[in-house]
Amino acid sequence: MEMIERSPESGIYAASPDYIHALEVRHPTRLLFVSGTMGLGAEGMAAPDLEGQLELIWSNLRAILASADMTVDNIVRLTSYLRDGAFVEANQNARLRALGGRAVPTTAIIVETLRNDWLVEIEIIAAG
């Protein structure tokens, strides 16, 4: 499988170091579509704060990916659903840590979550 970043240098606004416009995936043999994943522990309870929820989300995503013999290196698309716009920077920093600085096509959306204690939800697409 080959991954090629696609961020045109003209005719569109510039990408940033942690953002690319598109990622071309050539010859994947598998695709994994992961539901929105929340910062819930094994008992189904949300961590009490944003940092705790982000840690649990990435732990949960790694477990889901591992169940398909994949890692965060297989992530090719990511969407974050944030309860508050003030969460953007913390979410970005957690994503950069989790992906080791690797940029993937990413969207963040401000939403009303199903429960007040759910602060962020992340869904991904992975390819292998």
Protein backbone atom coordinates (compact mmCIF):
# COMPACT_ATOMS: atom_id res chain seq x y z
CA MET A 1 0.00 0.00 0.00
CA GLU A 2 1.23 3.47 -0.84
CA MET A 3 0.09 6.75 0.76
CA ILE A 4 0.67 10.04 -1.08
CA GLU A 5 -0.11 13.43 0.46
CA ARG A 6 -2.05 15.70 -1.88
CA SER A 7 -1.83 19.37 -0.89
CA PRO A 8 -1.71 21.59 -3.99
CA GLU A 9 0.58 24.59 -3.70
CA SER A 10 -1.59 26.88 -5.84
CA GLY A 11 -5.28 27.47 -6.38
CA ILE A 12 -6.20 26.65 -2.78
CA TYR A 13 -5.35 27.86 0.72
CA ALA A 14 -2.11 26.54 2.14
CA ALA A 15 -1.98 23.40 4.25
CA SER A 16 -0.21 23.58 7.62
CA PRO A 17 2.40 21.26 9.14
CA ASP A 18 -0.30 19.18 10.87
CA TYR A 19 -2.91 19.37 8.08
CA ILE A 20 -3.09 18.04 4.53
CA HIS A 21 -5.89 18.51 2.06
CA ALA A 22 -5.97 14.90 0.88
CA LEU A 23 -4.26 11.55 1.14
CA GLU A 24 -4.21 9.21 -1.83
CA VAL A 25 -4.11 5.55 -0.81
CA ARG A 26 -2.93 3.24 -3.57
CA HIS A 27 -3.49 -0.50 -3.51
CA PRO A 28 -4.99 -1.03 -0.06
CA THR A 29 -6.04 -4.59 0.59
CA ARG A 30 -8.33 -3.71 3.51
CA LEU A 31 -10.35 -0.77 4.81
CA LEU A 32 -11.47 -0.38 8.41
CA PHE A 33 -14.28 2.09 9.19
CA VAL A 34 -14.37 2.88 12.91
CA SER A 35 -17.46 4.30 14.59
CA GLY A 36 -17.21 7.46 16.63
CA THR A 37 -15.12 6.44 19.63
CA MET A 38 -15.52 8.16 22.98
CA GLY A 39 -13.37 8.64 26.05
CA LEU A 40 -15.03 5.87 28.01
CA GLY A 41 -13.23 3.35 30.18
CA ALA A 42 -13.89 -0.40 30.07
CA GLU A 43 -16.77 0.07 32.54
CA GLY A 44 -18.45 2.53 30.14
CA MET A 45 -17.86 5.66 32.22
CA ALA A 46 -16.45 8.87 30.74
CA ALA A 47 -13.20 10.24 32.11
CA PRO A 48 -13.94 13.36 34.20
CA ASP A 49 -12.02 15.82 32.02
CA LEU A 50 -11.03 16.50 28.42
CA GLU A 51 -7.43 15.26 28.74
CA GLY A 52 -8.60 12.02 30.33
CA GLN A 53 -11.18 11.49 27.60
CA LEU A 54 -8.64 12.12 24.85
CA GLU A 55 -6.25 9.60 26.43
CA LEU A 56 -9.04 7.01 26.61
CA ILE A 57 -10.17 7.70 23.04
CA TRP A 58 -6.70 7.06 21.66
CA SER A 59 -6.29 3.98 23.85
CA ASN A 60 -9.66 2.71 22.60
CA LEU A 61 -8.74 3.45 18.98
CA ARG A 62 -5.43 1.60 19.34
CA ALA A 63 -7.32 -1.42 20.75
CA ILE A 64 -9.81 -1.35 17.85
CA LEU A 65 -7.00 -1.05 15.31
CA ALA A 66 -5.05 -3.87 16.96
CA SER A 67 -8.12 -6.13 16.67
CA ALA A 68 -7.72 -5.71 12.90
CA ASP A 69 -3.92 -6.13 13.01
CA MET A 70 -3.48 -2.40 12.35
CA THR A 71 -1.89 0.55 14.17
CA VAL A 72 -2.34 4.31 14.13
CA ASP A 73 0.00 4.27 11.10
CA ASN A 74 -2.92 2.81 9.14
CA ILE A 75 -5.23 5.78 9.82
CA VAL A 76 -6.01 7.62 6.57
CA ARG A 77 -8.92 9.84 7.68
CA LEU A 78 -10.04 11.31 11.01
CA THR A 79 -13.08 13.29 12.13
CA SER A 80 -13.33 14.83 15.61
CA TYR A 81 -16.66 15.83 17.13
CA LEU A 82 -16.06 18.38 19.89
CA ARG A 83 -18.65 19.53 22.42
CA ASP A 84 -16.94 22.95 22.67
CA GLY A 85 -14.75 24.95 20.30
CA ALA A 86 -12.37 25.57 23.19
CA PHE A 87 -11.33 21.89 22.87
CA VAL A 88 -9.71 22.33 19.44
CA GLU A 89 -6.12 22.79 20.61
CA ALA A 90 -6.15 19.95 23.15
CA ASN A 91 -7.71 17.65 20.55
CA GLN A 92 -5.12 18.68 17.94
CA ASN A 93 -2.26 18.10 20.37
CA ALA A 94 -3.59 14.66 21.33
CA ARG A 95 -3.95 13.73 17.65
CA LEU A 96 -0.40 14.86 16.86
CA ARG A 97 0.97 12.85 19.80
CA ALA A 98 -1.03 9.76 18.86
CA LEU A 99 -0.01 9.91 15.19
CA GLY A 100 3.60 10.81 15.92
CA GLY A 101 3.20 14.09 14.03
CA ARG A 102 1.93 12.37 10.86
CA ALA A 103 -0.72 14.44 9.10
CA VAL A 104 -3.88 12.83 7.74
CA PRO A 105 -7.00 14.45 6.29
CA THR A 106 -8.79 15.74 9.36
CA THR A 107 -12.04 17.54 10.15
CA ALA A 108 -13.20 18.91 13.51
CA ILE A 109 -16.88 19.65 14.05
CA ILE A 110 -18.51 21.36 17.03
CA VAL A 111 -21.58 19.34 18.08
CA GLU A 112 -23.98 18.62 20.88
CA THR A 113 -23.04 15.17 22.14
CA LEU A 114 -25.61 12.61 23.26
CA ARG A 115 -24.60 13.06 26.90
CA ASN A 116 -23.24 16.16 28.62
CA ASP A 117 -20.24 14.30 30.05
CA TRP A 118 -19.10 13.14 26.59
CA LEU A 119 -16.71 15.92 25.53
CA VAL A 120 -15.20 14.55 22.33
CA GLU A 121 -15.76 11.68 19.91
CA ILE A 122 -13.40 10.61 17.11
CA GLU A 123 -14.11 8.44 14.09
CA ILE A 124 -11.44 7.12 11.77
CA ILE A 125 -10.87 5.26 8.54
CA ALA A 126 -7.83 3.00 8.35
CA ALA A 127 -6.34 1.21 5.36
CA GLY A 128 -3.98 -1.71 5.18
